[in-house]
Amino acid sequence: MISLTRQAIDYQALTEAVRDPQHGAVVLFLGTVRDRTGEQATARLEYEAYAAMAEREMRRVVEAAQQRWPQTRIALIHRLGTLEVGEVSVAVAVSAPHRAEAFAACRYVIDTLKATVPIWKKEIGPDGTGEWVHPADISMSDPFRPESAV
């Protein structure tokens, strides 16, 4: 399951999509809208994407993770449109026989998604003004840093 949606993300269904009776670990990452970015207050976010390209890149990210951790099952959904504080903007679910692979694959997917997938975020402040922002840089010293982000 890889998709973009304008609806609320059903992360329980996402988790069920990756369950496997031979897997002892399921990791779920939820990216949520927070009320601040650094010192800047945030009222809401707007996400937009070139859907065909974004979904193609999302599939590539998941396929790369599954090549690196072949026993994993992975689902990835990103929300588009206007999101209020507390809403889920992105969800990654990974199941694997053991937790180390599940955590590593999940981290790889979210970090690579943020570094490579053409999804744009606009932060809207309490006064209603907004600014399009770039994804946060991934630390060069991060041992889980995806190679594609170099």
Protein backbone atom coordinates (compact mmCIF):
# COMPACT_ATOMS: atom_id res chain seq x y z
CA MET A 1 0.00 0.00 0.00
CA ILE A 2 1.62 3.20 -1.24
CA SER A 3 -0.50 6.28 -1.81
CA LEU A 4 -1.24 9.95 -1.51
CA THR A 5 -4.58 10.92 0.01
CA ARG A 6 -6.61 13.97 0.90
CA GLN A 7 -8.49 12.01 3.56
CA ALA A 8 -7.50 11.35 7.17
CA ILE A 9 -4.97 8.52 7.31
CA ASP A 10 -6.31 5.26 8.74
CA TYR A 11 -3.11 4.09 10.37
CA GLN A 12 -4.79 1.03 11.89
CA ALA A 13 -5.65 -0.19 8.39
CA LEU A 14 -2.09 0.63 7.32
CA THR A 15 -0.73 -1.51 10.16
CA GLU A 16 -3.05 -4.37 9.25
CA ALA A 17 -1.86 -4.17 5.63
CA VAL A 18 1.70 -5.13 6.64
CA ARG A 19 0.94 -7.76 9.28
CA ASP A 20 2.35 -11.19 8.59
CA PRO A 21 2.00 -14.25 10.85
CA GLN A 22 5.74 -14.94 10.40
CA HIS A 23 6.71 -11.44 11.54
CA GLY A 24 7.30 -10.66 15.19
CA ALA A 25 7.59 -6.89 14.81
CA VAL A 26 5.43 -4.10 13.42
CA VAL A 27 6.71 -0.54 13.55
CA LEU A 28 4.39 2.38 12.88
CA PHE A 29 5.69 5.92 12.33
CA LEU A 30 3.21 8.79 12.32
CA GLY A 31 4.31 12.26 11.30
CA THR A 32 1.92 14.78 12.85
CA VAL A 33 1.37 18.50 12.50
CA ARG A 34 2.94 20.29 15.45
CA ASP A 35 2.06 23.75 16.71
CA ARG A 36 5.56 25.17 16.36
CA THR A 37 8.53 24.93 14.05
CA GLY A 38 11.44 26.25 16.06
CA GLU A 39 10.32 29.62 17.36
CA GLN A 40 7.58 30.02 14.74
CA ALA A 41 3.96 29.24 15.74
CA THR A 42 2.05 27.04 13.30
CA ALA A 43 -1.73 27.13 12.89
CA ARG A 44 -1.90 24.52 10.12
CA LEU A 45 0.03 23.03 7.20
CA GLU A 46 -0.73 22.65 3.53
CA TYR A 47 0.82 19.81 1.53
CA GLU A 48 0.89 19.64 -2.25
CA ALA A 49 2.56 17.26 -4.69
CA TYR A 50 2.99 16.40 -8.31
CA ALA A 51 1.04 13.20 -7.65
CA ALA A 52 2.29 10.94 -10.46
CA MET A 53 5.92 11.73 -9.75
CA ALA A 54 5.49 11.60 -5.97
CA GLU A 55 3.79 8.19 -6.04
CA ARG A 56 6.43 6.82 -8.42
CA GLU A 57 9.19 8.04 -6.09
CA MET A 58 7.36 6.66 -3.05
CA ARG A 59 7.27 3.23 -4.74
CA ARG A 60 11.00 3.52 -5.49
CA VAL A 61 11.72 4.33 -1.84
CA VAL A 62 9.71 1.34 -0.60
CA GLU A 63 11.28 -0.99 -3.18
CA ALA A 64 14.78 0.16 -2.15
CA ALA A 65 13.96 -0.53 1.49
CA GLN A 66 12.61 -3.96 0.64
CA GLN A 67 15.77 -4.79 -1.30
CA ARG A 68 17.86 -3.76 1.70
CA TRP A 69 15.59 -5.58 4.20
CA PRO A 70 14.03 -8.29 1.99
CA GLN A 71 11.78 -9.86 4.61
CA THR A 72 9.90 -6.63 5.36
CA ARG A 73 6.40 -5.63 4.37
CA ILE A 74 6.00 -1.86 4.03
CA ALA A 75 3.08 0.54 3.61
CA LEU A 76 3.42 4.30 3.08
CA ILE A 77 0.78 7.03 2.90
CA HIS A 78 1.22 10.81 2.73
CA ARG A 79 -1.61 13.25 3.13
CA LEU A 80 -2.16 16.26 0.87
CA GLY A 81 -4.25 19.36 1.43
CA THR A 82 -4.80 21.41 4.58
CA LEU A 83 -4.01 19.74 7.91
CA GLU A 84 -4.67 21.08 11.38
CA VAL A 85 -2.36 20.76 14.38
CA GLY A 86 -2.37 17.17 15.65
CA GLU A 87 -3.44 15.56 12.38
CA VAL A 88 -1.35 12.80 10.80
CA SER A 89 0.46 13.97 7.65
CA VAL A 90 2.46 10.83 6.86
CA ALA A 91 2.40 7.22 8.03
CA VAL A 92 4.87 4.39 7.50
CA ALA A 93 4.14 0.85 8.68
CA VAL A 94 6.77 -1.87 8.50
CA SER A 95 6.61 -5.48 9.60
CA ALA A 96 9.58 -7.81 9.79
CA PRO A 97 10.58 -11.04 11.51
CA HIS A 98 12.57 -9.01 14.07
CA ARG A 99 12.39 -5.45 15.44
CA ALA A 100 15.86 -4.31 14.28
CA GLU A 101 14.93 -4.72 10.61
CA ALA A 102 11.50 -3.17 11.13
CA PHE A 103 12.92 -0.07 12.87
CA ALA A 104 15.76 0.33 10.35
CA ALA A 105 13.49 0.00 7.32
CA CYS A 106 10.94 2.41 8.78
CA ARG A 107 13.60 5.02 9.48
CA TYR A 108 15.04 4.59 6.01
CA VAL A 109 11.63 5.04 4.37
CA ILE A 110 10.68 8.23 6.23
CA ASP A 111 14.14 9.81 5.88
CA THR A 112 14.36 9.00 2.18
CA LEU A 113 10.79 10.15 1.58
CA LYS A 114 11.57 13.55 3.14
CA ALA A 115 14.81 13.85 1.15
CA THR A 116 13.62 12.77 -2.30
CA VAL A 117 9.85 12.75 -2.83
CA PRO A 118 8.37 15.91 -4.42
CA ILE A 119 5.87 16.83 -1.72
CA TRP A 120 5.80 20.48 -0.70
CA LYS A 121 4.80 21.86 2.69
CA LYS A 122 3.46 25.32 3.46
CA GLU A 123 3.48 26.40 7.10
CA ILE A 124 0.60 28.73 7.94
CA GLY A 125 1.01 30.94 11.01
CA PRO A 126 -1.69 32.20 13.39
CA ASP A 127 -2.00 35.41 11.33
CA GLY A 128 -2.92 33.39 8.23
CA THR A 129 0.30 34.06 6.32
CA GLY A 130 2.25 31.13 5.02
CA GLU A 131 5.63 30.12 3.76
CA TRP A 132 6.63 27.12 1.63
CA VAL A 133 9.46 25.26 3.35
CA HIS A 134 12.01 22.62 2.35
CA PRO A 135 12.34 19.31 4.18
CA ALA A 136 14.82 19.32 7.04
CA ASP A 137 18.34 18.27 6.10
CA ILE A 138 19.32 14.79 7.17
CA SER A 139 22.38 14.79 9.38
CA MET A 140 25.54 13.67 7.60
CA SER A 141 26.59 11.80 10.74
CA ASP A 142 23.33 9.85 10.97
CA PRO A 143 24.13 6.11 10.59
CA PHE A 144 20.68 5.52 9.07
CA ARG A 145 21.02 8.35 6.55
CA PRO A 146 19.82 7.09 3.16
CA GLU A 147 22.53 6.98 0.52
CA SER A 148 20.28 8.88 -1.90
CA ALA A 149 20.35 11.91 0.42
CA VAL A 150 24.13 12.35 0.15
